[in-house]
PDB file of N, CA and C in Angstrom:
ATOM      1  N   MET A   1      94.499  98.056  68.432  1.00  0.00           N
ATOM      2  CA  MET A   1      94.979  99.259  67.788  1.00  0.00           C
ATOM      3  C   MET A   1      96.135  99.838  68.602  1.00  0.00           C
ATOM      4  N   ALA A   2      97.238 100.113  67.987  1.00  0.00           N
ATOM      5  CA  ALA A   2      98.406 100.663  68.664  1.00  0.00           C
ATOM      6  C   ALA A   2      98.184 102.141  68.962  1.00  0.00           C
ATOM      7  N   THR A   3      98.580 102.536  70.154  1.00  0.00           N
ATOM      8  CA  THR A   3      98.482 103.943  70.501  1.00  0.00           C
ATOM      9  C   THR A   3      99.847 104.567  70.359  1.00  0.00           C
ATOM     10  N   GLU A   4      99.855 105.814  69.910  1.00  0.00           N
ATOM     11  CA  GLU A   4     101.118 106.506  69.764  1.00  0.00           C
ATOM     12  C   GLU A   4     101.250 107.517  70.878  1.00  0.00           C
ATOM     13  N   ASP A   5     102.223 107.304  71.738  1.00  0.00           N
ATOM     14  CA  ASP A   5     102.506 108.197  72.843  1.00  0.00           C
ATOM     15  C   ASP A   5     103.962 108.600  72.700  1.00  0.00           C
ATOM     16  N   LYS A   6     104.184 109.866  72.432  1.00  0.00           N
ATOM     17  CA  LYS A   6     105.543 110.347  72.166  1.00  0.00           C
ATOM     18  C   LYS A   6     106.421 110.369  73.415  1.00  0.00           C
ATOM     19  N   SER A   7     105.832 110.219  74.615  1.00  0.00           N
ATOM     20  CA  SER A   7     106.615 110.276  75.848  1.00  0.00           C
ATOM     21  C   SER A   7     107.212 108.918  76.224  1.00  0.00           C
ATOM     22  N   THR A   8     106.945 107.894  75.465  1.00  0.00           N
ATOM     23  CA  THR A   8     107.467 106.566  75.757  1.00  0.00           C
ATOM     24  C   THR A   8     108.006 105.930  74.478  1.00  0.00           C
ATOM     25  N   PRO A   9     109.055 105.121  74.600  1.00  0.00           N
ATOM     26  CA  PRO A   9     109.591 104.465  73.409  1.00  0.00           C
ATOM     27  C   PRO A   9     108.755 103.263  72.954  1.00  0.00           C
ATOM     28  N   PHE A  10     107.750 102.886  73.762  1.00  0.00           N
ATOM     29  CA  PHE A  10     106.934 101.722  73.450  1.00  0.00           C
ATOM     30  C   PHE A  10     105.768 102.092  72.548  1.00  0.00           C
ATOM     31  N   GLN A  11     105.400 101.151  71.705  1.00  0.00           N
ATOM     32  CA  GLN A  11     104.193 101.291  70.905  1.00  0.00           C
ATOM     33  C   GLN A  11     103.240 100.210  71.408  1.00  0.00           C
ATOM     34  N   PHE A  12     102.162 100.648  72.055  1.00  0.00           N
ATOM     35  CA  PHE A  12     101.236  99.726  72.709  1.00  0.00           C
ATOM     36  C   PHE A  12     100.170  99.254  71.739  1.00  0.00           C
ATOM     37  N   PRO A  13      99.703  98.014  71.916  1.00  0.00           N
ATOM     38  CA  PRO A  13     100.162  96.987  72.852  1.00  0.00           C
ATOM     39  C   PRO A  13     101.493  96.388  72.403  1.00  0.00           C
ATOM     40  N   CYS A  14     102.259  95.899  73.385  1.00  0.00           N
ATOM     41  CA  CYS A  14     103.546  95.270  73.088  1.00  0.00           C
ATOM     42  C   CYS A  14     103.872  94.260  74.177  1.00  0.00           C
ATOM     43  N   PRO A  15     104.648  93.227  73.839  1.00  0.00           N
ATOM     44  CA  PRO A  15     105.074  92.275  74.869  1.00  0.00           C
ATOM     45  C   PRO A  15     106.006  93.002  75.837  1.00  0.00           C
ATOM     46  N   TYR A  16     105.800  92.794  77.128  1.00  0.00           N
ATOM     47  CA  TYR A  16     106.567  93.528  78.127  1.00  0.00           C
ATOM     48  C   TYR A  16     107.095  92.579  79.204  1.00  0.00           C
ATOM     49  N   PRO A  17     108.415  92.471  79.354  1.00  0.00           N
ATOM     50  CA  PRO A  17     108.983  91.654  80.430  1.00  0.00           C
ATOM     51  C   PRO A  17     109.214  92.519  81.673  1.00  0.00           C
ATOM     52  N   LEU A  18     108.622  92.147  82.765  1.00  0.00           N
ATOM     53  CA  LEU A  18     108.745  92.872  84.027  1.00  0.00           C
ATOM     54  C   LEU A  18     109.474  91.982  85.016  1.00  0.00           C
ATOM     55  N   LYS A  19     110.577  92.470  85.583  1.00  0.00           N
ATOM     56  CA  LYS A  19     111.339  91.685  86.547  1.00  0.00           C
ATOM     57  C   LYS A  19     111.108  92.261  87.940  1.00  0.00           C
ATOM     58  N   VAL A  20     110.791  91.364  88.881  1.00  0.00           N
ATOM     59  CA  VAL A  20     110.532  91.752  90.266  1.00  0.00           C
ATOM     60  C   VAL A  20     111.444  90.927  91.164  1.00  0.00           C
ATOM     61  N   MET A  21     112.141  91.603  92.080  1.00  0.00           N
ATOM     62  CA  MET A  21     113.054  90.910  92.976  1.00  0.00           C
ATOM     63  C   MET A  21     112.658  91.120  94.429  1.00  0.00           C
ATOM     64  N   GLY A  22     112.834  90.050  95.216  1.00  0.00           N
ATOM     65  CA  GLY A  22     112.517  90.114  96.632  1.00  0.00           C
ATOM     66  C   GLY A  22     113.141  88.951  97.371  1.00  0.00           C
ATOM     67  N   ARG A  23     112.888  88.905  98.655  1.00  0.00           N
ATOM     68  CA  ARG A  23     113.399  87.797  99.463  1.00  0.00           C
ATOM     69  C   ARG A  23     112.682  86.513  99.066  1.00  0.00           C
ATOM     70  N   ASN A  24     113.386  85.410  99.110  1.00  0.00           N
ATOM     71  CA  ASN A  24     112.846  84.109  98.710  1.00  0.00           C
ATOM     72  C   ASN A  24     111.995  83.541  99.854  1.00  0.00           C
ATOM     73  N   THR A  25     110.773  84.061  99.969  1.00  0.00           N
ATOM     74  CA  THR A  25     109.833  83.590 100.990  1.00  0.00           C
ATOM     75  C   THR A  25     108.758  82.750 100.322  1.00  0.00           C
ATOM     76  N   GLY A  26     108.005  82.031 101.112  1.00  0.00           N
ATOM     77  CA  GLY A  26     106.940  81.190 100.580  1.00  0.00           C
ATOM     78  C   GLY A  26     105.836  81.965  99.892  1.00  0.00           C
ATOM     79  N   GLU A  27     105.646  83.221 100.273  1.00  0.00           N
ATOM     80  CA  GLU A  27     104.528  83.979  99.704  1.00  0.00           C
ATOM     81  C   GLU A  27     104.913  84.960  98.601  1.00  0.00           C
ATOM     82  N   PHE A  28     106.201  85.191  98.370  1.00  0.00           N
ATOM     83  CA  PHE A  28     106.627  86.205  97.407  1.00  0.00           C
ATOM     84  C   PHE A  28     106.060  85.959  96.009  1.00  0.00           C
ATOM     85  N   TYR A  29     106.184  84.743  95.511  1.00  0.00           N
ATOM     86  CA  TYR A  29     105.709  84.426  94.154  1.00  0.00           C
ATOM     87  C   TYR A  29     104.209  84.692  94.024  1.00  0.00           C
ATOM     88  N   SER A  30     103.427  84.251  95.000  1.00  0.00           N
ATOM     89  CA  SER A  30     101.973  84.420  94.907  1.00  0.00           C
ATOM     90  C   SER A  30     101.574  85.891  95.025  1.00  0.00           C
ATOM     91  N   VAL A  31     102.285  86.672  95.823  1.00  0.00           N
ATOM     92  CA  VAL A  31     101.999  88.103  95.944  1.00  0.00           C
ATOM     93  C   VAL A  31     102.263  88.799  94.616  1.00  0.00           C
ATOM     94  N   VAL A  32     103.421  88.535  94.018  1.00  0.00           N
ATOM     95  CA  VAL A  32     103.780  89.166  92.745  1.00  0.00           C
ATOM     96  C   VAL A  32     102.790  88.768  91.650  1.00  0.00           C
ATOM     97  N   SER A  33     102.482  87.493  91.536  1.00  0.00           N
ATOM     98  CA  SER A  33     101.568  87.058  90.468  1.00  0.00           C
ATOM     99  C   SER A  33     100.169  87.643  90.669  1.00  0.00           C
ATOM    100  N   ALA A  34      99.708  87.774  91.895  1.00  0.00           N
ATOM    101  CA  ALA A  34      98.385  88.362  92.148  1.00  0.00           C
ATOM    102  C   ALA A  34      98.350  89.828  91.727  1.00  0.00           C
ATOM    103  N   ILE A  35      99.411  90.572  92.022  1.00  0.00           N
ATOM    104  CA  ILE A  35      99.454  91.987  91.641  1.00  0.00           C
ATOM    105  C   ILE A  35      99.519  92.124  90.122  1.00  0.00           C
ATOM    106  N   VAL A  36     100.366  91.342  89.479  1.00  0.00           N
ATOM    107  CA  VAL A  36     100.485  91.410  88.015  1.00  0.00           C
ATOM    108  C   VAL A  36      99.143  91.078  87.366  1.00  0.00           C
ATOM    109  N   GLU A  37      98.511  90.003  87.805  1.00  0.00           N
ATOM    110  CA  GLU A  37      97.244  89.579  87.202  1.00  0.00           C
ATOM    111  C   GLU A  37      96.128  90.600  87.408  1.00  0.00           C
ATOM    112  N   LYS A  38      96.208  91.367  88.461  1.00  0.00           N
ATOM    113  CA  LYS A  38      95.227  92.424  88.725  1.00  0.00           C
ATOM    114  C   LYS A  38      95.317  93.540  87.680  1.00  0.00           C
ATOM    115  N   HIS A  39      96.512  93.758  87.140  1.00  0.00           N
ATOM    116  CA  HIS A  39      96.735  94.873  86.207  1.00  0.00           C
ATOM    117  C   HIS A  39      96.716  94.459  84.732  1.00  0.00           C
ATOM    118  N   VAL A  40      96.682  93.172  84.455  1.00  0.00           N
ATOM    119  CA  VAL A  40      96.659  92.693  83.065  1.00  0.00           C
ATOM    120  C   VAL A  40      95.230  92.305  82.711  1.00  0.00           C
ATOM    121  N   SER A  41      94.784  92.731  81.550  1.00  0.00           N
ATOM    122  CA  SER A  41      93.401  92.474  81.120  1.00  0.00           C
ATOM    123  C   SER A  41      93.105  90.982  81.077  1.00  0.00           C
ATOM    124  N   PRO A  42      91.897  90.604  81.493  1.00  0.00           N
ATOM    125  CA  PRO A  42      91.496  89.198  81.421  1.00  0.00           C
ATOM    126  C   PRO A  42      91.644  88.673  79.991  1.00  0.00           C
ATOM    127  N   GLY A  43      92.109  87.464  79.874  1.00  0.00           N
ATOM    128  CA  GLY A  43      92.282  86.847  78.565  1.00  0.00           C
ATOM    129  C   GLY A  43      93.673  87.033  77.984  1.00  0.00           C
ATOM    130  N   ASN A  44      94.442  87.985  78.512  1.00  0.00           N
ATOM    131  CA  ASN A  44      95.816  88.170  78.045  1.00  0.00           C
ATOM    132  C   ASN A  44      96.727  87.187  78.767  1.00  0.00           C
ATOM    133  N   GLU A  45      97.583  86.548  78.015  1.00  0.00           N
ATOM    134  CA  GLU A  45      98.471  85.538  78.592  1.00  0.00           C
ATOM    135  C   GLU A  45      99.635  86.190  79.328  1.00  0.00           C
ATOM    136  N   ILE A  46      99.938  85.650  80.484  1.00  0.00           N
ATOM    137  CA  ILE A  46     101.093  86.072  81.264  1.00  0.00           C
ATOM    138  C   ILE A  46     101.985  84.846  81.428  1.00  0.00           C
ATOM    139  N   THR A  47     103.256  84.982  81.090  1.00  0.00           N
ATOM    140  CA  THR A  47     104.189  83.880  81.329  1.00  0.00           C
ATOM    141  C   THR A  47     105.145  84.307  82.440  1.00  0.00           C
ATOM    142  N   TYR A  48     105.444  83.357  83.299  1.00  0.00           N
ATOM    143  CA  TYR A  48     106.317  83.619  84.440  1.00  0.00           C
ATOM    144  C   TYR A  48     107.548  82.733  84.366  1.00  0.00           C
ATOM    145  N   SER A  49     108.666  83.294  84.775  1.00  0.00           N
ATOM    146  CA  SER A  49     109.873  82.508  85.009  1.00  0.00           C
ATOM    147  C   SER A  49     110.491  83.057  86.290  1.00  0.00           C
ATOM    148  N   SER A  50     111.223  82.205  86.987  1.00  0.00           N
ATOM    149  CA  SER A  50     111.825  82.667  88.232  1.00  0.00           C
ATOM    150  C   SER A  50     113.208  82.069  88.392  1.00  0.00           C
ATOM    151  N   ARG A  51     113.984  82.737  89.233  1.00  0.00           N
ATOM    152  CA  ARG A  51     115.355  82.296  89.470  1.00  0.00           C
ATOM    153  C   ARG A  51     115.758  82.722  90.878  1.00  0.00           C
ATOM    154  N   THR A  52     116.363  81.813  91.603  1.00  0.00           N
ATOM    155  CA  THR A  52     116.852  82.150  92.941  1.00  0.00           C
ATOM    156  C   THR A  52     118.307  82.591  92.862  1.00  0.00           C
ATOM    157  N   SER A  53     118.714  83.393  93.836  1.00  0.00           N
ATOM    158  CA  SER A  53     120.100  83.844  93.897  1.00  0.00           C
ATOM    159  C   SER A  53     120.997  82.654  94.274  1.00  0.00           C
ATOM    160  N   SER A  54     122.288  82.834  94.135  1.00  0.00           N
ATOM    161  CA  SER A  54     123.223  81.733  94.401  1.00  0.00           C
ATOM    162  C   SER A  54     123.120  81.223  95.837  1.00  0.00           C
ATOM    163  N   GLY A  55     122.831  82.090  96.786  1.00  0.00           N
ATOM    164  CA  GLY A  55     122.663  81.662  98.163  1.00  0.00           C
ATOM    165  C   GLY A  55     121.222  81.334  98.516  1.00  0.00           C
ATOM    166  N   GLU A  56     120.351  81.413  97.536  1.00  0.00           N
ATOM    167  CA  GLU A  56     118.911  81.136  97.652  1.00  0.00           C
ATOM    168  C   GLU A  56     118.186  82.050  98.641  1.00  0.00           C
ATOM    169  N   LYS A  57     118.770  83.210  98.923  1.00  0.00           N
ATOM    170  CA  LYS A  57     118.140  84.178  99.829  1.00  0.00           C
ATOM    171  C   LYS A  57     117.134  85.053  99.082  1.00  0.00           C
ATOM    172  N   TYR A  58     117.368  85.275  97.785  1.00  0.00           N
ATOM    173  CA  TYR A  58     116.522  86.152  96.989  1.00  0.00           C
ATOM    174  C   TYR A  58     115.910  85.398  95.807  1.00  0.00           C
ATOM    175  N   LEU A  59     114.785  85.928  95.326  1.00  0.00           N
ATOM    176  CA  LEU A  59     114.095  85.351  94.178  1.00  0.00           C
ATOM    177  C   LEU A  59     113.783  86.467  93.194  1.00  0.00           C
ATOM    178  N   SER A  60     114.059  86.231  91.919  1.00  0.00           N
ATOM    179  CA  SER A  60     113.636  87.176  90.879  1.00  0.00           C
ATOM    180  C   SER A  60     112.586  86.475  90.026  1.00  0.00           C
ATOM    181  N   ILE A  61     111.539  87.212  89.745  1.00  0.00           N
ATOM    182  CA  ILE A  61     110.428  86.703  88.938  1.00  0.00           C
ATOM    183  C   ILE A  61     110.297  87.601  87.725  1.00  0.00           C
ATOM    184  N   THR A  62     110.236  87.010  86.545  1.00  0.00           N
ATOM    185  CA  THR A  62     109.974  87.770  85.329  1.00  0.00           C
ATOM    186  C   THR A  62     108.593  87.391  84.827  1.00  0.00           C
ATOM    187  N   ALA A  63     107.744  88.406  84.707  1.00  0.00           N
ATOM    188  CA  ALA A  63     106.394  88.221  84.163  1.00  0.00           C
ATOM    189  C   ALA A  63     106.361  88.926  82.815  1.00  0.00           C
ATOM    190  N   THR A  64     106.029  88.196  81.766  1.00  0.00           N
ATOM    191  CA  THR A  64     105.932  88.777  80.431  1.00  0.00           C
ATOM    192  C   THR A  64     104.466  88.760  80.022  1.00  0.00           C
ATOM    193  N   PHE A  65     103.972  89.915  79.587  1.00  0.00           N
ATOM    194  CA  PHE A  65     102.557  90.078  79.268  1.00  0.00           C
ATOM    195  C   PHE A  65     102.402  91.168  78.214  1.00  0.00           C
ATOM    196  N   PRO A  66     101.227  91.255  77.572  1.00  0.00           N
ATOM    197  CA  PRO A  66     101.002  92.331  76.617  1.00  0.00           C
ATOM    198  C   PRO A  66     100.659  93.630  77.358  1.00  0.00           C
ATOM    199  N   ALA A  67     101.602  94.576  77.356  1.00  0.00           N
ATOM    200  CA  ALA A  67     101.357  95.879  77.979  1.00  0.00           C
ATOM    201  C   ALA A  67     100.444  96.698  77.072  1.00  0.00           C
ATOM    202  N   GLU A  68      99.482  97.373  77.676  1.00  0.00           N
ATOM    203  CA  GLU A  68      98.487  98.108  76.900  1.00  0.00           C
ATOM    204  C   GLU A  68      98.676  99.619  76.924  1.00  0.00           C
ATOM    205  N   SER A  69      99.334 100.143  77.973  1.00  0.00           N
ATOM    206  CA  SER A  69      99.526 101.588  78.053  1.00  0.00           C
ATOM    207  C   SER A  69     100.582 101.930  79.090  1.00  0.00           C
ATOM    208  N   GLN A  70     101.087 103.157  79.000  1.00  0.00           N
ATOM    209  CA  GLN A  70     102.038 103.648  79.985  1.00  0.00           C
ATOM    210  C   GLN A  70     101.369 103.741  81.363  1.00  0.00           C
ATOM    211  N   GLU A  71     100.101 104.098  81.392  1.00  0.00           N
ATOM    212  CA  GLU A  71      99.350 104.204  82.645  1.00  0.00           C
ATOM    213  C   GLU A  71      99.251 102.850  83.335  1.00  0.00           C
ATOM    214  N   GLN A  72      99.019 101.798  82.563  1.00  0.00           N
ATOM    215  CA  GLN A  72      98.958 100.446  83.112  1.00  0.00           C
ATOM    216  C   GLN A  72     100.285 100.078  83.765  1.00  0.00           C
ATOM    217  N   LEU A  73     101.386 100.341  83.083  1.00  0.00           N
ATOM    218  CA  LEU A  73     102.702 100.015  83.615  1.00  0.00           C
ATOM    219  C   LEU A  73     103.009 100.838  84.864  1.00  0.00           C
ATOM    220  N   TYR A  74     102.662 102.110  84.853  1.00  0.00           N
ATOM    221  CA  TYR A  74     102.894 102.962  86.013  1.00  0.00           C
ATOM    222  C   TYR A  74     102.157 102.421  87.240  1.00  0.00           C
ATOM    223  N   ALA A  75     100.886 102.082  87.068  1.00  0.00           N
ATOM    224  CA  ALA A  75     100.079 101.562  88.183  1.00  0.00           C
ATOM    225  C   ALA A  75     100.636 100.233  88.687  1.00  0.00           C
ATOM    226  N   LEU A  76     101.082  99.389  87.789  1.00  0.00           N
ATOM    227  CA  LEU A  76     101.644  98.094  88.157  1.00  0.00           C
ATOM    228  C   LEU A  76     102.943  98.265  88.948  1.00  0.00           C
ATOM    229  N   TYR A  77     103.866  99.076  88.429  1.00  0.00           N
ATOM    230  CA  TYR A  77     105.119  99.329  89.137  1.00  0.00           C
ATOM    231  C   TYR A  77     104.857  99.963  90.497  1.00  0.00           C
ATOM    232  N   LYS A  78     103.926 100.892  90.560  1.00  0.00           N
ATOM    233  CA  LYS A  78     103.601 101.573  91.816  1.00  0.00           C
ATOM    234  C   LYS A  78     103.131 100.577  92.876  1.00  0.00           C
ATOM    235  N   GLU A  79     102.186  99.714  92.506  1.00  0.00           N
ATOM    236  CA  GLU A  79     101.666  98.752  93.475  1.00  0.00           C
ATOM    237  C   GLU A  79     102.728  97.749  93.903  1.00  0.00           C
ATOM    238  N   LEU A  80     103.529  97.285  92.956  1.00  0.00           N
ATOM    239  CA  LEU A  80     104.597  96.344  93.309  1.00  0.00           C
ATOM    240  C   LEU A  80     105.609  96.985  94.254  1.00  0.00           C
ATOM    241  N   ASN A  81     106.046  98.196  93.925  1.00  0.00           N
ATOM    242  CA  ASN A  81     107.073  98.855  94.726  1.00  0.00           C
ATOM    243  C   ASN A  81     106.581  99.262  96.112  1.00  0.00           C
ATOM    244  N   GLU A  82     105.282  99.372  96.292  1.00  0.00           N
ATOM    245  CA  GLU A  82     104.726  99.711  97.603  1.00  0.00           C
ATOM    246  C   GLU A  82     104.603  98.492  98.516  1.00  0.00           C
ATOM    247  N   HIS A  83     104.739  97.286  97.946  1.00  0.00           N
ATOM    248  CA  HIS A  83     104.589  96.081  98.755  1.00  0.00           C
ATOM    249  C   HIS A  83     105.878  95.798  99.531  1.00  0.00           C
ATOM    250  N   ASP A  84     105.722  95.408 100.796  1.00  0.00           N
ATOM    251  CA  ASP A  84     106.858  95.171 101.676  1.00  0.00           C
ATOM    252  C   ASP A  84     107.792  94.060 101.201  1.00  0.00           C
ATOM    253  N   LEU A  85     107.279  93.058 100.494  1.00  0.00           N
ATOM    254  CA  LEU A  85     108.106  91.933 100.064  1.00  0.00           C
ATOM    255  C   LEU A  85     108.952  92.246  98.829  1.00  0.00           C
ATOM    256  N   VAL A  86     108.584  93.289  98.092  1.00  0.00           N
ATOM    257  CA  VAL A  86     109.291  93.631  96.854  1.00  0.00           C
ATOM    258  C   VAL A  86     110.469  94.548  97.176  1.00  0.00           C
ATOM    259  N   LEU A  87     111.663  94.126  96.752  1.00  0.00           N
ATOM    260  CA  LEU A  87     112.861  94.931  96.957  1.00  0.00           C
ATOM    261  C   LEU A  87     113.191  95.816  95.764  1.00  0.00           C
ATOM    262  N   MET A  88     112.890  95.321  94.546  1.00  0.00           N
ATOM    263  CA  MET A  88     113.236  96.060  93.339  1.00  0.00           C
ATOM    264  C   MET A  88     112.412  95.581  92.155  1.00  0.00           C
ATOM    265  N   THR A  89     112.118  96.499  91.251  1.00  0.00           N
ATOM    266  CA  THR A  89     111.459  96.140  89.987  1.00  0.00           C
ATOM    267  C   THR A  89     112.275  96.731  88.842  1.00  0.00           C
ATOM    268  N   LEU A  90     112.309  95.996  87.751  1.00  0.00           N
ATOM    269  CA  LEU A  90     112.992  96.466  86.532  1.00  0.00           C
ATOM    270  C   LEU A  90     112.072  96.287  85.354  1.00  0.00           C
TER     271      LEU A  90
END
């Protein structure tokens, strides 16, 4: 059932692409995927794509999943942005 929240342009549930950028370290991908999976309901599919910068110093990961609420997105962005390996989220 879609929820109507006038404070957001989204009508939940909806497919949501989340981009996370950080240094291209061995653990960055696993840290990001663990945080995303913690906030997405079990059984919902998450697709990941990634891309390294031209100098291969940075990695961007896009996780697309069914967003369920503004609160879910807020908590997800908050946890990602608090992690030392994450430089930026979009």
